[in-house]
């Protein structure tokens, strides 16, 4: 599918991933882009979603809008994360169908996988158990996008595809310690520790869980490739293929930031899912995606961006 002449709606288009996706689309020659703000269109309200489609008349939709955060935010807001993500997905896809949208690309999450999924996570294992408890409400709400898309494809012939990225990082990420994910939280703690001459910084858990991270520019490219080349009902993992422990990640970030102190692990706090690493072969085979930016390079670029913007944040 050629995108440059399409009228495209991007929910969450002003967010972290959304900004990079919009740049990638514009680099492809897309000029007709609608980027609704939450202030103007509350996607949990049906009349707002109806008005959004009437106002923008999109031919293609990228649904990125989500209420999301790290382990702490998930523990504090399980009801909100479940309800708002579920309702947004239901309404955005239903009105896309009613409006005759040609294709919808929904963003899922690696949190939808069962807690003890064999590593690497394969798409076929998505339904073989319950998600890790701290992320389950969010992960299940996002998983319903897949169910809805497959049901609509079966009954209405609606072209919905479901992409599941691993944890993202990069310039423009959110660095609020109450809501951020692990990489921006660690970067901020290290740089604040340097400024305040703190001899220790504290991290949650024991450092043993592993995670896979994808640079945000690579994620944006993967999503656009899926829009151009992928038209199947089955979900697709998007990742880097590289697994690292949280302990090793923290040590790498501390070294890159120049933080000389000690990292203390608060084992009263949860670890989250024990391991995360995905099988990326489907994305490579079906639409030619392979990550380009290595973790250390991505971390350097993220740290540099935060150093330059932290006063304004």
Protein backbone atom coordinates (compact mmCIF):
# COMPACT_ATOMS: atom_id res chain seq x y z
CA UNK A 1 0.00 0.00 0.00
CA UNK A 2 1.33 3.42 -0.99
CA UNK A 3 0.99 5.88 1.87
CA UNK A 4 2.02 9.22 0.42
CA UNK A 5 -1.40 10.03 -1.04
CA UNK A 6 -3.46 8.73 1.90
CA UNK A 7 -5.34 10.82 4.45
CA UNK A 8 -3.90 9.38 7.66
CA UNK A 9 -5.07 9.68 11.28
CA UNK A 10 -2.54 9.02 14.05
CA UNK A 11 -3.96 8.76 17.56
CA UNK A 12 -1.25 9.50 20.08
CA UNK A 13 0.63 11.29 17.32
CA UNK A 14 2.10 13.90 19.66
CA UNK A 15 3.42 11.31 22.14
CA UNK A 16 6.83 9.69 22.42
CA UNK A 17 6.44 7.05 19.70
CA UNK A 18 3.89 9.13 17.80
CA UNK A 19 6.31 11.98 17.10
CA UNK A 20 8.83 9.58 15.57
CA UNK A 21 6.12 7.79 13.58
CA UNK A 22 4.89 11.11 12.18
CA UNK A 23 8.44 12.02 11.11
CA UNK A 24 8.83 8.64 9.39
CA UNK A 25 5.52 9.10 7.57
CA UNK A 26 6.50 12.59 6.44
CA UNK A 27 9.82 11.22 5.21
CA UNK A 28 7.73 8.82 3.08
CA UNK A 29 6.00 11.82 1.50
CA UNK A 30 2.78 11.74 3.55
CA UNK A 31 1.28 15.22 3.79
CA UNK A 32 -2.34 14.62 4.84
CA UNK A 33 -1.91 13.85 8.52
CA UNK A 34 -4.36 14.36 11.39
CA UNK A 35 -2.88 14.41 14.90
CA UNK A 36 -5.77 14.87 17.36
CA UNK A 37 -5.02 16.28 20.80
CA UNK A 38 -6.55 14.86 23.96
CA UNK A 39 -7.86 18.30 24.84
CA UNK A 40 -9.96 18.40 21.68
CA UNK A 41 -10.85 14.71 21.35
CA UNK A 42 -11.13 12.43 24.39
CA UNK A 43 -10.92 8.97 22.84
CA UNK A 44 -12.72 7.38 25.80
CA UNK A 45 -15.87 9.34 24.88
CA UNK A 46 -17.94 8.00 21.98
CA UNK A 47 -19.23 11.39 20.85
CA UNK A 48 -15.64 12.68 20.67
CA UNK A 49 -14.52 9.70 18.58
CA UNK A 50 -17.51 10.09 16.27
CA UNK A 51 -16.67 13.78 15.81
CA UNK A 52 -12.99 12.97 15.21
CA UNK A 53 -13.84 10.72 12.26
CA UNK A 54 -16.33 13.22 10.89
CA UNK A 55 -13.73 16.00 11.09
CA UNK A 56 -10.74 14.10 9.68
CA UNK A 57 -12.24 11.53 7.26
CA UNK A 58 -9.17 9.25 7.34
CA UNK A 59 -8.37 6.48 4.87
CA UNK A 60 -5.83 4.91 7.24
CA UNK A 61 -5.51 4.92 11.03
CA UNK A 62 -2.52 4.30 13.28
CA UNK A 63 -3.85 3.74 16.81
CA UNK A 64 -0.99 4.60 19.19
CA UNK A 65 -2.89 6.44 21.91
CA UNK A 66 -2.57 4.69 25.26
CA UNK A 67 -2.43 5.22 28.99
CA UNK A 68 0.88 3.63 29.90
CA UNK A 69 3.73 3.63 32.41
CA UNK A 70 6.30 1.50 34.20
CA UNK A 71 5.77 -1.10 36.92
CA UNK A 72 4.94 1.51 39.57
CA UNK A 73 2.35 3.23 37.38
CA UNK A 74 0.78 -0.12 36.48
CA UNK A 75 0.51 -1.08 40.16
CA UNK A 76 -1.03 2.27 41.09
CA UNK A 77 -3.54 2.48 38.21
CA UNK A 78 -4.70 -1.02 37.19
CA UNK A 79 -8.35 -0.03 36.83
CA UNK A 80 -7.64 3.13 34.87
CA UNK A 81 -5.10 1.41 32.60
CA UNK A 82 -7.56 -1.38 31.84
CA UNK A 83 -10.64 0.75 31.28
CA UNK A 84 -9.20 3.64 29.29
CA UNK A 85 -7.05 1.50 26.98
CA UNK A 86 -9.91 -0.92 26.37
CA UNK A 87 -12.49 1.78 25.63
CA UNK A 88 -10.15 3.77 23.39
CA UNK A 89 -9.38 0.70 21.30
CA UNK A 90 -13.02 -0.36 21.01
CA UNK A 91 -14.20 3.08 19.90
CA UNK A 92 -11.31 3.92 17.55
CA UNK A 93 -11.62 0.62 15.67
CA UNK A 94 -15.43 0.58 15.59
CA UNK A 95 -15.62 4.06 14.10
CA UNK A 96 -12.83 3.25 11.67
CA UNK A 97 -14.97 0.37 10.45
CA UNK A 98 -18.11 2.50 10.26
CA UNK A 99 -16.23 5.23 8.42
CA UNK A 100 -14.86 2.94 5.70
CA UNK A 101 -11.21 3.23 6.73
CA UNK A 102 -9.05 1.13 4.40
CA UNK A 103 -6.61 -0.09 7.04
CA UNK A 104 -5.98 0.25 10.78
CA UNK A 105 -2.65 -0.49 12.46
CA UNK A 106 -3.06 -1.06 16.20
CA UNK A 107 -0.20 -1.02 18.69
CA UNK A 108 -0.20 -3.86 21.16
CA UNK A 109 2.35 -4.61 23.87
CA UNK A 110 4.76 -7.28 24.93
CA UNK A 111 2.97 -7.14 28.32
CA UNK A 112 0.17 -9.19 26.73
CA UNK A 113 2.27 -12.35 26.76
CA UNK A 114 1.84 -14.92 29.56
CA UNK A 115 4.11 -14.49 32.58
CA UNK A 116 6.10 -17.66 31.92
CA UNK A 117 6.18 -17.63 28.12
CA UNK A 118 9.10 -19.68 26.73
CA UNK A 119 11.92 -17.43 25.50
CA UNK A 120 12.03 -16.16 22.81
CA UNK A 121 8.35 -15.15 22.82
CA UNK A 122 6.62 -16.43 19.69
CA UNK A 123 3.31 -15.04 18.53
CA UNK A 124 1.80 -18.54 18.72
CA UNK A 125 2.30 -18.49 22.53
CA UNK A 126 0.26 -15.35 23.11
CA UNK A 127 -2.75 -17.21 24.52
CA UNK A 128 -0.93 -19.89 26.55
CA UNK A 129 -1.40 -18.30 29.99
CA UNK A 130 -2.12 -15.19 32.04
CA UNK A 131 0.13 -12.10 31.84
CA UNK A 132 2.49 -11.05 34.64
CA UNK A 133 0.26 -9.66 37.39
CA UNK A 134 1.57 -6.10 37.63
CA UNK A 135 1.06 -5.54 33.89
CA UNK A 136 -1.97 -7.77 33.32
CA UNK A 137 -4.78 -5.14 33.21
CA UNK A 138 -2.86 -3.04 30.67
CA UNK A 139 -1.67 -6.05 28.69
CA UNK A 140 -5.13 -7.61 28.46
CA UNK A 141 -6.78 -4.34 27.45
CA UNK A 142 -4.29 -3.96 24.59
CA UNK A 143 -4.71 -7.62 23.68
CA UNK A 144 -8.39 -6.96 22.99
CA UNK A 145 -7.31 -4.82 20.03
CA UNK A 146 -6.07 -8.03 18.44
CA UNK A 147 -9.32 -9.87 19.22
CA UNK A 148 -11.42 -6.99 17.91
CA UNK A 149 -9.35 -6.68 14.73
CA UNK A 150 -9.55 -10.39 13.98
CA UNK A 151 -13.32 -10.45 14.64
CA UNK A 152 -13.86 -7.44 12.38
CA UNK A 153 -11.72 -8.99 9.66
CA UNK A 154 -13.78 -12.19 9.84
CA UNK A 155 -17.23 -10.53 9.86
CA UNK A 156 -16.71 -7.28 7.96
CA UNK A 157 -13.55 -7.83 5.91
CA UNK A 158 -11.93 -4.98 7.84
CA UNK A 159 -8.16 -4.73 7.38
CA UNK A 160 -6.76 -4.43 10.90
CA UNK A 161 -3.20 -5.47 11.74
CA UNK A 162 -1.68 -5.77 15.21
CA UNK A 163 1.95 -4.91 15.97
CA UNK A 164 3.50 -5.70 19.37
CA UNK A 165 6.69 -3.76 20.12
CA UNK A 166 9.05 -4.49 23.00
CA UNK A 167 10.05 -1.73 25.45
CA UNK A 168 11.01 1.42 23.56
CA UNK A 169 13.64 4.02 24.32
CA UNK A 170 15.02 7.12 22.64
CA UNK A 171 14.90 10.92 22.44
CA UNK A 172 11.60 12.38 23.58
CA UNK A 173 10.86 9.67 26.13
CA UNK A 174 9.09 10.46 29.43
CA UNK A 175 11.41 11.01 32.40
CA UNK A 176 8.90 11.49 35.23
CA UNK A 177 9.98 8.99 37.90
CA UNK A 178 6.36 8.21 38.85
CA UNK A 179 5.32 7.12 35.36
CA UNK A 180 8.43 6.46 33.27
CA UNK A 181 9.76 3.12 32.06
CA UNK A 182 13.05 1.67 33.23
CA UNK A 183 15.53 3.34 30.83
CA UNK A 184 14.44 6.98 31.29
CA UNK A 185 14.06 6.37 35.04
CA UNK A 186 17.62 5.05 35.29
CA UNK A 187 19.02 7.89 33.19
CA UNK A 188 17.31 10.48 35.34
CA UNK A 189 18.42 8.82 38.60
CA UNK A 190 22.04 8.71 37.42
CA UNK A 191 22.15 12.32 36.24
CA UNK A 192 20.31 13.57 39.33
CA UNK A 193 22.73 11.52 41.43
CA UNK A 194 25.67 13.23 39.77
CA UNK A 195 24.16 16.70 40.32
CA UNK A 196 23.34 16.00 43.98
CA UNK A 197 26.60 14.10 44.63
CA UNK A 198 24.64 11.08 45.87
CA UNK A 199 26.74 8.03 46.72
CA UNK A 200 23.92 5.59 45.88
CA UNK A 201 20.86 5.35 43.67
CA UNK A 202 18.06 2.86 44.31
CA UNK A 203 16.45 0.60 41.71
CA UNK A 204 13.41 -1.65 42.05
CA UNK A 205 13.68 -5.42 42.42
CA UNK A 206 16.91 -7.42 42.42
CA UNK A 207 18.11 -6.69 38.88
CA UNK A 208 17.70 -10.27 37.66
CA UNK A 209 14.81 -9.86 35.16
CA UNK A 210 15.75 -9.49 31.52
CA UNK A 211 14.23 -7.16 28.97
CA UNK A 212 14.51 -6.42 25.28
CA UNK A 213 14.64 -2.82 24.11
CA UNK A 214 14.04 -1.21 20.73
CA UNK A 215 15.13 2.25 19.67
CA UNK A 216 12.09 4.38 18.96
CA UNK A 217 13.16 5.30 15.42
CA UNK A 218 13.40 1.60 14.56
CA UNK A 219 9.94 1.04 16.05
CA UNK A 220 8.48 3.81 13.89
CA UNK A 221 10.04 2.27 10.79
CA UNK A 222 8.62 -1.15 11.68
CA UNK A 223 5.10 0.25 12.08
CA UNK A 224 5.25 2.04 8.73
CA UNK A 225 6.56 -1.09 7.01
CA UNK A 226 3.64 -3.03 8.48
CA UNK A 227 1.26 -0.40 7.09
CA UNK A 228 2.84 -0.68 3.65
CA UNK A 229 3.39 -4.43 3.40
CA UNK A 230 1.43 -6.45 5.98
CA UNK A 231 -2.25 -7.36 5.64
CA UNK A 232 -2.65 -10.49 7.77
CA UNK A 233 -4.74 -11.28 10.84
CA UNK A 234 -1.92 -12.68 12.97
CA UNK A 235 -0.08 -10.38 15.42
CA UNK A 236 3.57 -9.47 14.82
CA UNK A 237 6.40 -9.02 17.33
CA UNK A 238 8.67 -6.04 16.77
CA UNK A 239 11.98 -6.02 18.63
CA UNK A 240 15.75 -5.85 18.46
CA UNK A 241 16.47 -9.51 19.25
CA UNK A 242 18.83 -8.51 22.11
CA UNK A 243 18.12 -9.49 25.74
CA UNK A 244 19.78 -7.79 28.72
CA UNK A 245 19.32 -8.07 32.49
CA UNK A 246 18.09 -5.01 34.36
CA UNK A 247 21.27 -5.17 36.48
CA UNK A 248 23.50 -5.04 33.40
CA UNK A 249 21.33 -2.30 31.90
CA UNK A 250 21.62 -0.18 35.06
CA UNK A 251 25.39 -0.61 35.10
CA UNK A 252 25.63 0.34 31.42
CA UNK A 253 23.51 3.47 31.89
CA UNK A 254 25.50 4.50 34.98
CA UNK A 255 28.75 4.14 33.01
CA UNK A 256 27.42 6.06 30.01
CA UNK A 257 26.11 8.85 32.28
CA UNK A 258 29.38 8.99 34.22
CA UNK A 259 27.70 8.21 37.54
CA UNK A 260 30.43 7.00 39.98
CA UNK A 261 28.22 5.81 42.85
CA UNK A 262 26.71 2.49 43.85
CA UNK A 263 23.45 0.97 42.63
CA UNK A 264 21.29 -0.38 45.48
CA UNK A 265 18.50 -2.86 44.76
CA UNK A 266 15.23 -2.57 46.70
CA UNK A 267 14.03 -6.17 46.81
CA UNK A 268 10.79 -5.19 48.54
CA UNK A 269 9.66 -3.88 45.14
CA UNK A 270 8.46 -6.24 42.36
CA UNK A 271 10.69 -7.52 39.59
CA UNK A 272 7.91 -7.83 37.03
CA UNK A 273 8.05 -10.54 34.37
CA UNK A 274 11.18 -12.74 34.77
CA UNK A 275 12.35 -12.64 31.13
CA UNK A 276 11.37 -10.87 27.93
CA UNK A 277 12.83 -11.51 24.51
CA UNK A 278 10.80 -11.94 21.34
CA UNK A 279 11.14 -13.96 18.19
CA UNK A 280 11.36 -11.31 15.45
CA UNK A 281 11.35 -13.68 12.47
CA UNK A 282 7.75 -12.98 11.44
CA UNK A 283 8.37 -9.22 11.07
CA UNK A 284 11.51 -9.86 9.05
CA UNK A 285 9.83 -12.42 6.80
CA UNK A 286 6.48 -10.68 6.31
CA UNK A 287 7.53 -7.06 5.88
CA UNK A 288 11.31 -6.91 5.95
CA UNK A 289 11.90 -5.27 9.33
CA UNK A 290 15.19 -5.61 11.15
CA UNK A 291 16.37 -3.26 13.90
CA UNK A 292 19.37 -1.09 13.05
CA UNK A 293 20.26 0.84 16.22
CA UNK A 294 22.21 -1.11 18.84
CA UNK A 295 21.27 -0.68 22.50
CA UNK A 296 24.42 1.22 23.55
CA UNK A 297 24.13 3.65 20.65
CA UNK A 298 20.46 4.24 21.44
CA UNK A 299 21.26 4.84 25.11
CA UNK A 300 23.97 7.36 24.21
CA UNK A 301 21.55 9.26 21.99
CA UNK A 302 18.81 9.18 24.65
CA UNK A 303 21.17 10.39 27.39
CA UNK A 304 22.43 13.20 25.16
CA UNK A 305 18.87 14.28 24.36
CA UNK A 306 17.91 14.32 28.03
CA UNK A 307 21.02 16.31 28.99
CA UNK A 308 20.03 18.94 26.42
CA UNK A 309 16.34 19.09 27.38
CA UNK A 310 16.14 18.21 31.09
CA UNK A 311 15.84 21.82 32.28
CA UNK A 312 12.79 22.38 30.08
CA UNK A 313 11.09 19.11 31.08
